[in-house]
């Protein structure tokens, strides 16, 4: 199976996921990412 670049999540989505997992809070992640 060939993976295309558009099958991968955006870097912004990965940053949001990482920050929310680290803080265990979307509110704190949003404040960090502003």
N, C-alpha and C. Protein backbone atom coordinates (compact mmCIF):
# COMPACT_ATOMS: atom_id res chain seq x y z
N UNK A 1 0.84 -1.18 0.00
CA UNK A 1 0.00 0.00 0.00
C UNK A 1 0.89 1.25 0.00
N UNK A 2 0.58 2.17 -0.86
CA UNK A 2 1.35 3.40 -0.97
C UNK A 2 0.68 4.48 -0.13
N UNK A 3 1.46 5.09 0.76
CA UNK A 3 0.93 6.19 1.58
C UNK A 3 1.15 7.50 0.84
N UNK A 4 0.13 8.26 0.72
CA UNK A 4 0.24 9.56 0.08
C UNK A 4 0.36 10.63 1.16
N UNK A 5 0.97 11.75 0.81
CA UNK A 5 1.19 12.80 1.79
C UNK A 5 -0.12 13.31 2.38
N UNK A 6 -1.21 13.25 1.63
CA UNK A 6 -2.48 13.75 2.15
C UNK A 6 -3.19 12.75 3.04
N UNK A 7 -2.64 11.54 3.19
CA UNK A 7 -3.19 10.57 4.13
C UNK A 7 -2.68 10.82 5.55
N UNK A 8 -1.65 11.63 5.69
CA UNK A 8 -1.04 11.87 6.99
C UNK A 8 -1.67 13.09 7.65
N UNK A 9 -1.75 13.10 8.98
CA UNK A 9 -2.29 14.27 9.67
C UNK A 9 -1.34 15.46 9.53
N UNK A 10 -1.89 16.65 9.64
CA UNK A 10 -1.07 17.85 9.53
C UNK A 10 -0.18 17.98 10.77
N UNK A 11 0.87 18.75 10.64
CA UNK A 11 1.75 18.98 11.79
C UNK A 11 1.04 19.75 12.88
N UNK A 12 0.11 20.61 12.51
CA UNK A 12 -0.68 21.34 13.50
C UNK A 12 -1.52 20.38 14.32
N UNK A 13 -2.15 19.42 13.66
CA UNK A 13 -2.96 18.43 14.37
C UNK A 13 -2.09 17.61 15.32
N UNK A 14 -0.89 17.26 14.89
CA UNK A 14 0.01 16.51 15.77
C UNK A 14 0.44 17.35 16.97
N UNK A 15 0.68 18.64 16.77
CA UNK A 15 1.07 19.52 17.87
C UNK A 15 -0.07 19.65 18.87
N UNK A 16 -1.30 19.78 18.38
CA UNK A 16 -2.47 19.88 19.26
C UNK A 16 -2.63 18.59 20.05
N UNK A 17 -2.51 17.45 19.39
CA UNK A 17 -2.64 16.15 20.06
C UNK A 17 -1.57 16.00 21.13
N UNK A 18 -0.34 16.35 20.81
CA UNK A 18 0.77 16.21 21.76
C UNK A 18 0.58 17.12 22.97
N UNK A 19 0.20 18.37 22.73
CA UNK A 19 0.02 19.31 23.84
C UNK A 19 -1.15 18.90 24.73
N UNK A 20 -2.25 18.46 24.12
CA UNK A 20 -3.40 18.06 24.93
C UNK A 20 -3.08 16.79 25.73
N UNK A 21 -2.31 15.88 25.17
CA UNK A 21 -1.92 14.68 25.90
C UNK A 21 -0.98 15.03 27.05
N UNK A 22 -0.08 15.95 26.80
CA UNK A 22 0.89 16.33 27.84
C UNK A 22 0.21 17.05 29.00
N UNK A 23 -0.73 17.95 28.68
CA UNK A 23 -1.41 18.72 29.72
C UNK A 23 -2.65 18.01 30.26
N UNK A 24 -3.12 16.98 29.57
CA UNK A 24 -4.37 16.29 29.93
C UNK A 24 -5.54 17.26 29.96
N UNK A 25 -5.46 18.30 29.12
CA UNK A 25 -6.49 19.33 29.09
C UNK A 25 -6.43 20.08 27.76
N UNK A 26 -7.58 20.17 27.09
CA UNK A 26 -7.62 20.94 25.86
C UNK A 26 -7.49 22.43 26.15
N UNK A 27 -8.00 22.87 27.29
CA UNK A 27 -7.93 24.29 27.65
C UNK A 27 -6.47 24.72 27.84
N UNK A 28 -5.69 23.93 28.57
CA UNK A 28 -4.28 24.27 28.77
C UNK A 28 -3.49 24.15 27.47
N UNK A 29 -3.84 23.17 26.66
CA UNK A 29 -3.17 23.02 25.37
C UNK A 29 -3.45 24.23 24.48
N UNK A 30 -4.69 24.69 24.48
CA UNK A 30 -5.05 25.86 23.68
C UNK A 30 -4.31 27.09 24.16
N UNK A 31 -4.19 27.24 25.47
CA UNK A 31 -3.47 28.38 26.02
C UNK A 31 -1.99 28.33 25.62
N UNK A 32 -1.42 27.14 25.61
CA UNK A 32 -0.01 27.00 25.21
C UNK A 32 0.18 27.30 23.74
N UNK A 33 -0.71 26.77 22.90
CA UNK A 33 -0.56 26.92 21.45
C UNK A 33 -1.04 28.27 20.95
N UNK A 34 -1.93 28.88 21.70
CA UNK A 34 -2.51 30.19 21.41
C UNK A 34 -2.83 30.31 19.95
